[in-house]
């Protein structure tokens, strides 16, 4: 029985551990991942649908593109959907989103940025300078080229365009000229919003100088506009300002504090630097695509691509009906939980007890297995106790027998001692009878009654 209990306990523990490790946990993890990835993609595409107002075939077109991009690039389908959301928020129509997305993905890969952030920057530039969806590659190329040519990155250029791009567009600068100006500002240590704000302030002062600025410009012989009222090319303005010999305080009076910093930084680098950089950016076609392809050969890009492919598989599994079934079950469970608030408290008590019992089944099974094993180990102990008990009973029997023998010997000894006592008394009496007693003895009699002669 001991051996059987030990075997049963070991078997139960082994089966429980094996099923938990090799079946329960992996299946639970896979199921959770499938539901999570599928629901994330579904949720993100619903946002795209509601923001872009896409319906029918237009929405299916974008949905399919997001899945395809997730399966074939280092970006996941959910990330592609996030990029679509930013383009939709910028006012892009479904077809325009579809046309712009490949360029946005390449731009994000080249800039090592999140796809949503890249889409936000690209869409802002395109909207601000009136570029068509088919010109998305132009926007990503100029960003990539500018970041290669100066002390700026794509995120910083995005900030510069945010704060100074609209003013540059109003001043008549092309998107390439604007990018060149922001890049030169970055070289002077004014990246991001600082550079964009400064350039915007300088351009505003050129387009509509104040009365005091106009007086200072006339004194220096400066004029920033052509005869038809348009702003002169920025390199030409830089040349004229440099040749005017204007002092720093005059810069500040003409362009203000922020604008003066921009003109000073651009003048120090020279108009030739502005022209050369603008030309480089204008010839940037294909830069982003080449950059992205080169980055795609790295191990990191390969790992990201593998992760995206796994997400694509999870989305495919979830869309096979798993996600719909899970949603229906979850909705019913949610409704049930909401109804529980109206339930009798007694139901809660017994329901909690049932759940506690279910939760304890696994640990209980393992504990029972351990107990069976421990009980089996007690078998040899039971045998030792049994032998000890048997020896104890025998010893107690022998002790009782010895006690009875000792009692008989004591009785015999007591009898013999009584016989001896009687003999001693008779001897003493005989000695007393042999003595001659009488009166007149000078010493008292030792027997207390008579005097000895």
Protein backbone atom coordinates (compact mmCIF):
# COMPACT_ATOMS: atom_id res chain seq x y z
CA UNK A 1 0.00 0.00 0.00
CA UNK A 2 2.87 2.33 0.84
CA UNK A 3 4.51 1.72 -2.53
CA UNK A 4 1.25 2.26 -4.41
CA UNK A 5 0.51 5.53 -2.63
CA UNK A 6 4.02 6.78 -3.37
CA UNK A 7 3.66 5.90 -7.05
CA UNK A 8 0.22 7.54 -7.26
CA UNK A 9 1.47 10.73 -5.62
CA UNK A 10 4.44 11.00 -7.95
CA UNK A 11 2.27 10.38 -11.01
CA UNK A 12 -0.25 13.02 -10.01
CA UNK A 13 2.46 15.63 -9.48
CA UNK A 14 4.16 14.75 -12.74
CA UNK A 15 0.97 14.98 -14.80
CA UNK A 16 -0.03 18.27 -13.17
CA UNK A 17 3.37 19.88 -13.72
CA UNK A 18 3.68 18.63 -17.30
CA UNK A 19 0.22 19.79 -18.34
CA UNK A 20 0.71 23.20 -16.71
CA UNK A 21 4.15 23.76 -18.24
CA UNK A 22 3.69 22.29 -21.70
CA UNK A 23 0.01 22.86 -22.45
CA UNK A 24 -1.85 25.26 -20.18
CA UNK A 25 0.65 28.13 -19.98
CA UNK A 26 1.72 28.13 -23.67
CA UNK A 27 -1.87 27.96 -24.90
CA UNK A 28 -2.93 30.72 -22.53
CA UNK A 29 -0.03 32.91 -23.68
CA UNK A 30 -0.73 32.32 -27.38
CA UNK A 31 -4.43 32.97 -26.93
CA UNK A 32 -3.79 36.17 -25.03
CA UNK A 33 -1.33 37.41 -27.68
CA UNK A 34 -3.73 36.65 -30.54
CA UNK A 35 -6.61 38.45 -28.84
CA UNK A 36 -4.42 41.41 -27.84
CA UNK A 37 -2.85 41.96 -31.28
CA UNK A 38 -6.09 41.41 -33.13
CA UNK A 39 -8.06 43.77 -30.90
CA UNK A 40 -5.35 46.47 -31.07
CA UNK A 41 -5.40 46.41 -34.88
CA UNK A 42 -9.20 46.37 -34.99
CA UNK A 43 -9.40 49.33 -32.61
CA UNK A 44 -6.80 51.35 -34.53
CA UNK A 45 -8.47 50.78 -37.88
CA UNK A 46 -11.79 51.88 -36.42
CA UNK A 47 -10.12 55.17 -35.48
CA UNK A 48 -8.86 55.55 -39.04
CA UNK A 49 -12.32 54.78 -40.36
CA UNK A 50 -14.04 57.36 -38.18
CA UNK A 51 -11.48 60.14 -38.71
CA UNK A 52 -11.15 59.67 -42.48
CA UNK A 53 -14.88 58.96 -42.90
CA UNK A 54 -13.91 56.04 -45.14
CA UNK A 55 -16.62 53.57 -46.06
CA UNK A 56 -16.96 50.40 -48.04
CA UNK A 57 -14.19 49.71 -50.52
CA UNK A 58 -12.12 52.73 -49.43
CA UNK A 59 -11.85 51.44 -45.89
CA UNK A 60 -11.12 47.89 -47.01
CA UNK A 61 -8.38 49.28 -49.28
CA UNK A 62 -6.66 50.98 -46.33
CA UNK A 63 -7.21 48.01 -44.06
CA UNK A 64 -5.62 45.64 -46.52
CA UNK A 65 -2.70 48.04 -47.08
CA UNK A 66 -2.03 48.24 -43.34
CA UNK A 67 -1.94 44.44 -43.11
CA UNK A 68 0.30 44.15 -46.18
CA UNK A 69 2.72 46.77 -44.86
CA UNK A 70 2.81 44.97 -41.53
CA UNK A 71 3.65 41.68 -43.21
CA UNK A 72 6.32 43.07 -45.57
CA UNK A 73 8.10 45.82 -43.57
CA UNK A 74 9.70 46.26 -40.18
CA UNK A 75 6.58 48.06 -38.99
CA UNK A 76 3.53 46.25 -37.68
CA UNK A 77 0.06 46.51 -39.12
CA UNK A 78 -1.08 48.40 -36.03
CA UNK A 79 1.76 50.90 -36.45
CA UNK A 80 0.81 51.36 -40.10
CA UNK A 81 -2.75 52.08 -38.98
CA UNK A 82 -1.40 54.69 -36.54
CA UNK A 83 0.37 56.39 -39.45
CA UNK A 84 -2.88 56.39 -41.40
CA UNK A 85 -4.61 58.04 -38.46
CA UNK A 86 -2.20 61.00 -38.50
CA UNK A 87 -2.61 61.44 -42.23
CA UNK A 88 -6.38 61.34 -41.81
CA UNK A 89 -6.18 63.98 -39.06
CA UNK A 90 -4.23 66.20 -41.50
CA UNK A 91 -7.17 66.04 -43.89
CA UNK A 92 -5.93 63.36 -46.27
CA UNK A 93 -8.61 61.42 -48.08
CA UNK A 94 -8.57 57.59 -48.11
CA UNK A 95 -6.94 57.43 -51.54
CA UNK A 96 -4.37 60.05 -50.56
CA UNK A 97 -3.55 58.10 -47.41
CA UNK A 98 -3.07 54.99 -49.52
CA UNK A 99 -0.69 56.84 -51.85
CA UNK A 100 1.34 58.50 -49.10
CA UNK A 101 1.82 55.55 -46.75
CA UNK A 102 4.79 53.82 -48.50
CA UNK A 103 6.81 57.05 -48.43
CA UNK A 104 5.92 57.64 -44.80
CA UNK A 105 7.12 54.14 -43.87
CA UNK A 106 10.43 54.69 -45.64
CA UNK A 107 10.82 58.05 -43.92
CA UNK A 108 10.22 56.48 -40.51
CA UNK A 109 12.73 53.71 -41.21
CA UNK A 110 15.36 56.21 -42.40
CA UNK A 111 14.81 58.52 -39.43
CA UNK A 112 14.57 55.68 -36.90
CA UNK A 113 11.32 57.14 -35.62
CA UNK A 114 7.91 55.88 -34.67
CA UNK A 115 5.68 55.60 -37.71
CA UNK A 116 2.95 57.76 -36.19
CA UNK A 117 5.38 60.58 -35.36
CA UNK A 118 6.86 60.49 -38.87
CA UNK A 119 3.40 60.56 -40.42
CA UNK A 120 2.53 63.56 -38.27
CA UNK A 121 5.61 65.51 -39.40
CA UNK A 122 5.23 64.62 -43.07
CA UNK A 123 1.52 65.45 -43.11
CA UNK A 124 2.13 68.83 -41.45
CA UNK A 125 4.75 69.78 -44.05
CA UNK A 126 2.65 68.57 -46.94
CA UNK A 127 -0.42 70.40 -45.71
CA UNK A 128 1.50 73.55 -44.85
CA UNK A 129 3.14 73.80 -48.30
CA UNK A 130 0.21 72.47 -50.30
CA UNK A 131 1.91 69.27 -51.48
CA UNK A 132 -0.22 66.54 -53.05
CA UNK A 133 -0.43 63.02 -51.66
CA UNK A 134 1.70 61.81 -54.55
CA UNK A 135 4.45 64.19 -53.35
CA UNK A 136 4.86 62.46 -50.00
CA UNK A 137 8.17 61.05 -51.21
CA UNK A 138 9.37 64.60 -51.86
CA UNK A 139 8.66 65.53 -48.25
CA UNK A 140 10.40 62.49 -46.79
CA UNK A 141 13.38 62.91 -49.14
CA UNK A 142 14.01 66.51 -48.14
CA UNK A 143 13.76 65.61 -44.46
CA UNK A 144 16.20 62.74 -44.83
CA UNK A 145 18.65 64.80 -46.91
CA UNK A 146 18.55 67.77 -44.56
CA UNK A 147 19.26 65.54 -41.56
CA UNK A 148 22.25 64.12 -43.43
CA UNK A 149 23.64 67.54 -44.33
CA UNK A 150 23.35 69.39 -41.02
CA UNK A 151 23.25 69.20 -37.25
CA UNK A 152 19.55 68.37 -37.15
CA UNK A 153 17.35 65.29 -37.10
CA UNK A 154 13.94 64.66 -38.60
CA UNK A 155 12.15 65.23 -35.30
CA UNK A 156 13.89 68.59 -34.86
CA UNK A 157 13.10 69.63 -38.42
CA UNK A 158 9.48 68.72 -37.79
CA UNK A 159 9.44 71.09 -34.83
CA UNK A 160 11.03 73.86 -36.91
CA UNK A 161 8.41 73.44 -39.63
CA UNK A 162 5.69 73.49 -36.99
CA UNK A 163 6.77 76.89 -35.65
CA UNK A 164 8.12 78.57 -38.79
CA UNK A 165 6.85 76.65 -41.80
CA UNK A 166 3.63 78.57 -42.30
CA UNK A 167 5.44 81.92 -42.26
CA UNK A 168 8.00 80.59 -44.76
CA UNK A 169 5.15 79.51 -47.05
CA UNK A 170 3.58 82.97 -46.77
CA UNK A 171 6.94 84.57 -47.58
CA UNK A 172 7.11 82.56 -50.80
CA UNK A 173 9.93 80.16 -49.82
CA UNK A 174 9.81 76.67 -51.27
CA UNK A 175 9.75 73.71 -48.92
CA UNK A 176 13.36 72.94 -49.86
CA UNK A 177 14.51 76.51 -49.13
CA UNK A 178 12.72 76.39 -45.80
CA UNK A 179 14.36 73.09 -44.90
CA UNK A 180 17.76 74.55 -45.82
CA UNK A 181 17.17 77.59 -43.58
CA UNK A 182 16.12 75.41 -40.64
CA UNK A 183 19.16 73.18 -41.17
CA UNK A 184 21.53 76.15 -41.09
CA UNK A 185 19.84 77.33 -37.91
CA UNK A 186 20.49 73.91 -36.44
CA UNK A 187 24.16 74.21 -37.37
CA UNK A 188 24.23 77.42 -35.33
CA UNK A 189 22.81 75.61 -32.30
CA UNK A 190 19.17 76.64 -32.74
CA UNK A 191 17.38 73.39 -33.47
CA UNK A 192 13.72 72.56 -33.37
CA UNK A 193 11.18 75.12 -32.25
CA UNK A 194 13.90 77.68 -31.49
CA UNK A 195 15.11 77.74 -35.10
CA UNK A 196 11.61 77.72 -36.54
CA UNK A 197 10.47 80.60 -34.33
CA UNK A 198 13.53 82.69 -35.17
CA UNK A 199 13.25 82.22 -38.94
CA UNK A 200 9.51 82.92 -38.81
CA UNK A 201 10.10 86.17 -36.91
CA UNK A 202 12.76 87.31 -39.40
CA UNK A 203 10.51 86.61 -42.40
CA UNK A 204 7.61 88.45 -40.76
CA UNK A 205 9.82 91.50 -40.26
CA UNK A 206 10.90 91.37 -43.91
CA UNK A 207 7.34 91.13 -45.24
CA UNK A 208 5.91 93.85 -43.01
CA UNK A 209 8.61 95.95 -41.38
CA UNK A 210 7.64 98.33 -38.61
CA UNK A 211 7.99 102.11 -38.96
CA UNK A 212 11.23 102.07 -36.97
CA UNK A 213 12.56 99.09 -38.93
CA UNK A 214 11.76 100.80 -42.23
CA UNK A 215 13.66 103.88 -41.13
CA UNK A 216 16.69 101.76 -40.24
CA UNK A 217 16.48 99.85 -43.54
CA UNK A 218 16.41 103.08 -45.52
CA UNK A 219 19.46 104.31 -43.65
CA UNK A 220 21.32 101.10 -44.60
CA UNK A 221 19.93 101.01 -48.16
CA UNK A 222 18.14 97.70 -47.59
CA UNK A 223 15.03 96.53 -49.37
CA UNK A 224 13.68 93.01 -48.96
CA UNK A 225 10.89 93.07 -51.53
CA UNK A 226 10.76 93.23 -55.29
CA UNK A 227 8.90 95.85 -57.28
CA UNK A 228 5.77 93.69 -57.38
CA UNK A 229 5.75 93.33 -53.57
CA UNK A 230 7.14 89.81 -53.35
CA UNK A 231 9.92 88.87 -50.99
CA UNK A 232 13.34 88.54 -52.54
CA UNK A 233 15.07 85.12 -52.41
CA UNK A 234 16.48 84.49 -48.95
CA UNK A 235 20.10 84.04 -50.16
CA UNK A 236 19.90 87.44 -51.86
CA UNK A 237 18.61 89.06 -48.67
CA UNK A 238 21.46 87.48 -46.72
CA UNK A 239 23.93 88.92 -49.24
CA UNK A 240 22.47 92.41 -49.00
CA UNK A 241 22.38 92.37 -45.20
CA UNK A 242 26.00 91.20 -45.08
CA UNK A 243 27.15 93.94 -47.44
CA UNK A 244 25.24 96.65 -45.61
CA UNK A 245 27.63 96.55 -42.66
CA UNK A 246 24.73 96.64 -40.20
CA UNK A 247 25.69 96.36 -36.52
CA UNK A 248 24.04 93.96 -34.12
CA UNK A 249 21.81 96.61 -32.60
CA UNK A 250 20.58 97.49 -36.09
CA UNK A 251 19.75 93.81 -36.69
CA UNK A 252 17.63 93.90 -33.56
CA UNK A 253 15.83 97.10 -34.56
CA UNK A 254 15.02 95.74 -38.02
CA UNK A 255 14.21 92.09 -37.25
CA UNK A 256 13.45 92.08 -33.53
CA UNK A 257 15.12 89.86 -30.95
CA UNK A 258 14.18 86.47 -32.44
CA UNK A 259 14.44 87.55 -36.08
CA UNK A 260 17.77 89.23 -35.44
CA UNK A 261 19.22 85.98 -34.10
CA UNK A 262 18.10 84.15 -37.26
CA UNK A 263 19.54 86.71 -39.71
CA UNK A 264 22.77 86.89 -37.74
CA UNK A 265 23.19 83.08 -37.82
CA UNK A 266 22.37 82.84 -41.54
CA UNK A 267 24.66 85.77 -42.43
CA UNK A 268 27.59 84.26 -40.57
CA UNK A 269 27.30 81.04 -42.61
CA UNK A 270 26.84 83.02 -45.81
CA UNK A 271 24.50 83.01 -48.76
CA UNK A 272 26.62 80.42 -50.59
CA UNK A 273 25.95 77.89 -47.84
CA UNK A 274 22.25 78.61 -48.20
CA UNK A 275 22.30 78.16 -51.99
CA UNK A 276 24.39 74.99 -51.87
CA UNK A 277 22.26 73.33 -49.22
CA UNK A 278 19.05 74.25 -51.01
CA UNK A 279 20.38 72.69 -54.20
CA UNK A 280 21.37 69.51 -52.35
CA UNK A 281 17.90 69.19 -50.84
CA UNK A 282 16.20 69.85 -54.18
CA UNK A 283 18.16 66.93 -55.64
CA UNK A 284 17.28 64.57 -52.80
CA UNK A 285 14.97 62.34 -54.84
CA UNK A 286 15.39 58.69 -53.86
CA UNK A 287 17.41 59.46 -50.71
CA UNK A 288 14.86 58.06 -48.29
CA UNK A 289 14.27 54.90 -50.29
CA UNK A 290 17.99 54.11 -50.45
CA UNK A 291 18.46 54.88 -46.79
CA UNK A 292 15.54 52.69 -45.77
CA UNK A 293 16.75 49.77 -47.89
CA UNK A 294 20.22 49.95 -46.38
CA UNK A 295 18.79 50.05 -42.87
CA UNK A 296 16.55 47.12 -43.75
CA UNK A 297 19.57 44.84 -44.14
CA UNK A 298 20.51 45.14 -40.45
CA UNK A 299 19.78 42.47 -37.85
CA UNK A 300 17.66 44.90 -35.82
CA UNK A 301 15.42 45.57 -38.81
CA UNK A 302 15.19 41.83 -39.38
CA UNK A 303 14.04 41.27 -35.81
CA UNK A 304 11.47 44.02 -36.13
CA UNK A 305 10.27 42.51 -39.39
CA UNK A 306 9.91 39.11 -37.74
CA UNK A 307 7.87 40.63 -34.91
CA UNK A 308 5.65 42.39 -37.45
CA UNK A 309 5.14 39.12 -39.33
CA UNK A 310 4.08 37.42 -36.08
CA UNK A 311 1.58 40.18 -35.47
CA UNK A 312 0.27 39.68 -39.00
CA UNK A 313 -0.24 35.99 -38.26
CA UNK A 314 -2.00 36.81 -35.00
CA UNK A 315 -4.30 39.26 -36.79
CA UNK A 316 -5.12 36.63 -39.42
CA UNK A 317 -6.00 34.12 -36.70
CA UNK A 318 -8.07 36.65 -34.80
CA UNK A 319 -9.99 37.61 -37.93
CA UNK A 320 -10.88 33.98 -38.67
CA UNK A 321 -13.75 34.35 -36.20
CA UNK A 322 -11.81 34.10 -32.97
CA UNK A 323 -12.04 37.80 -32.21
CA UNK A 324 -15.74 37.97 -33.04
CA UNK A 325 -16.44 34.98 -30.81
CA UNK A 326 -14.35 36.43 -28.03
CA UNK A 327 -16.14 39.77 -28.35
CA UNK A 328 -19.55 38.10 -28.15
CA UNK A 329 -18.55 36.08 -25.11
CA UNK A 330 -17.00 39.13 -23.49
CA UNK A 331 -20.14 41.18 -24.12
CA UNK A 332 -22.29 38.49 -22.51
CA UNK A 333 -19.95 38.22 -19.58
CA UNK A 334 -20.00 42.00 -19.21
CA UNK A 335 -23.79 42.00 -19.25
CA UNK A 336 -23.80 39.21 -16.69
CA UNK A 337 -21.43 41.12 -14.43
CA UNK A 338 -23.59 44.22 -14.67
CA UNK A 339 -26.65 42.17 -13.75
CA UNK A 340 -24.84 40.74 -10.74
CA UNK A 341 -25.27 44.04 -8.95
CA UNK A 342 -28.97 43.23 -8.76
CA UNK A 343 -28.43 39.71 -7.42
CA UNK A 344 -29.25 38.44 -3.95
CA UNK A 345 -26.17 38.60 -1.67
CA UNK A 346 -26.55 34.89 -0.94
CA UNK A 347 -25.68 34.13 -4.54
CA UNK A 348 -22.48 36.14 -4.16
CA UNK A 349 -21.52 34.11 -1.11
CA UNK A 350 -21.95 30.71 -2.77
CA UNK A 351 -20.56 31.95 -6.05
CA UNK A 352 -17.41 33.13 -4.34
CA UNK A 353 -17.09 29.79 -2.57
CA UNK A 354 -17.38 27.97 -5.90
CA UNK A 355 -14.72 30.16 -7.48
CA UNK A 356 -12.45 29.65 -4.50
CA UNK A 357 -12.90 25.90 -4.83
CA UNK A 358 -12.13 26.01 -8.55
CA UNK A 359 -9.06 28.14 -7.94
CA UNK A 360 -7.85 25.71 -5.27
CA UNK A 361 -8.16 22.58 -7.45
CA UNK A 362 -4.70 22.82 -8.94
CA UNK A 363 -2.83 23.50 -5.70
CA UNK A 364 -4.94 20.90 -3.91
CA UNK A 365 -4.01 18.26 -6.47
CA UNK A 366 -0.33 18.96 -5.92
CA UNK A 367 -0.71 18.91 -2.13
CA UNK A 368 -2.56 15.59 -2.31
CA UNK A 369 0.26 14.20 -4.38
CA UNK A 370 2.78 15.35 -1.79
CA UNK A 371 0.68 13.86 1.03
CA UNK A 372 0.49 10.52 -0.74
CA UNK A 373 4.24 10.57 -1.07
CA UNK A 374 4.73 11.47 2.55
CA UNK A 375 2.26 8.80 3.70
CA UNK A 376 4.16 6.21 1.72
CA UNK A 377 7.34 7.23 3.49
CA UNK A 378 5.62 6.56 6.86
CA UNK A 379 5.26 2.81 6.10
CA UNK A 380 8.72 1.84 7.42
CA UNK A 381 8.04 4.02 10.46
CA UNK A 382 4.79 2.17 11.14
CA UNK A 383 6.70 -1.12 11.04
CA UNK A 384 9.28 0.14 13.55
CA UNK A 385 6.52 1.40 15.87
CA UNK A 386 4.79 -1.97 15.63
CA UNK A 387 7.98 -3.84 16.56
CA UNK A 388 8.65 -1.44 19.42
CA UNK A 389 5.12 -1.87 20.72
CA UNK A 390 5.44 -5.67 20.59
CA UNK A 391 8.76 -5.55 22.49
CA UNK A 392 7.24 -3.22 25.06
CA UNK A 393 4.32 -5.57 25.72
CA UNK A 394 6.74 -8.53 26.18
CA UNK A 395 8.92 -6.56 28.53
CA UNK A 396 5.88 -5.52 30.57
CA UNK A 397 4.86 -9.20 30.85
CA UNK A 398 8.27 -10.25 32.01
CA UNK A 399 8.33 -7.41 34.51
CA UNK A 400 4.98 -8.51 35.97
CA UNK A 401 6.20 -12.09 36.27
CA UNK A 402 9.38 -10.90 37.99
CA UNK A 403 7.30 -8.81 40.34
CA UNK A 404 5.18 -11.81 41.34
CA UNK A 405 8.34 -13.90 41.96
CA UNK A 406 9.79 -11.11 44.07
CA UNK A 407 6.56 -10.92 46.09
CA UNK A 408 6.70 -14.66 46.87
CA UNK A 409 10.36 -14.40 47.88
CA UNK A 410 9.51 -11.49 50.15
CA UNK A 411 6.75 -13.49 51.83
CA UNK A 412 9.15 -16.38 52.48
CA UNK A 413 11.77 -14.00 53.85
CA UNK A 414 9.17 -12.44 56.15
CA UNK A 415 8.25 -15.88 57.51
CA UNK A 416 11.85 -16.76 58.16
CA UNK A 417 12.44 -13.46 59.96
CA UNK A 418 9.39 -14.18 62.21
CA UNK A 419 10.83 -17.60 63.12
CA UNK A 420 14.17 -16.03 63.94
CA UNK A 421 12.53 -13.39 66.14
CA UNK A 422 10.69 -16.07 68.15
CA UNK A 423 13.91 -17.99 68.71
CA UNK A 424 15.66 -14.88 69.97
CA UNK A 425 12.82 -14.17 72.44
CA UNK A 426 12.91 -17.68 73.79
CA UNK A 427 16.73 -17.47 74.28
CA UNK A 428 16.47 -14.25 76.22
CA UNK A 429 13.78 -15.76 78.45
CA UNK A 430 15.96 -18.75 79.21
CA UNK A 431 18.91 -16.56 80.22
CA UNK A 432 16.67 -14.51 82.53
CA UNK A 433 15.40 -17.65 84.29
CA UNK A 434 18.96 -18.76 85.19
CA UNK A 435 19.80 -15.67 87.23
CA UNK A 436 19.49 -15.75 91.15
CA UNK A 437 17.40 -12.87 92.26
CA UNK A 438 16.80 -11.65 95.84
CA UNK A 439 16.60 -8.71 98.27
CA UNK A 440 19.53 -6.84 99.81
CA UNK A 441 21.48 -6.27 96.68
CA UNK A 442 23.48 -3.12 96.93
CA UNK A 443 23.13 -2.31 93.20
CA UNK A 444 19.88 -2.10 91.36
CA UNK A 445 18.91 -5.20 89.48
CA UNK A 446 19.51 -4.84 85.66
CA UNK A 447 16.12 -6.37 85.11
CA UNK A 448 14.46 -3.51 87.02
CA UNK A 449 12.83 -5.56 89.80
CA UNK A 450 15.29 -7.57 91.85
CA UNK A 451 18.69 -7.05 93.37
CA UNK A 452 21.45 -9.51 92.44
CA UNK A 453 23.37 -11.59 94.95
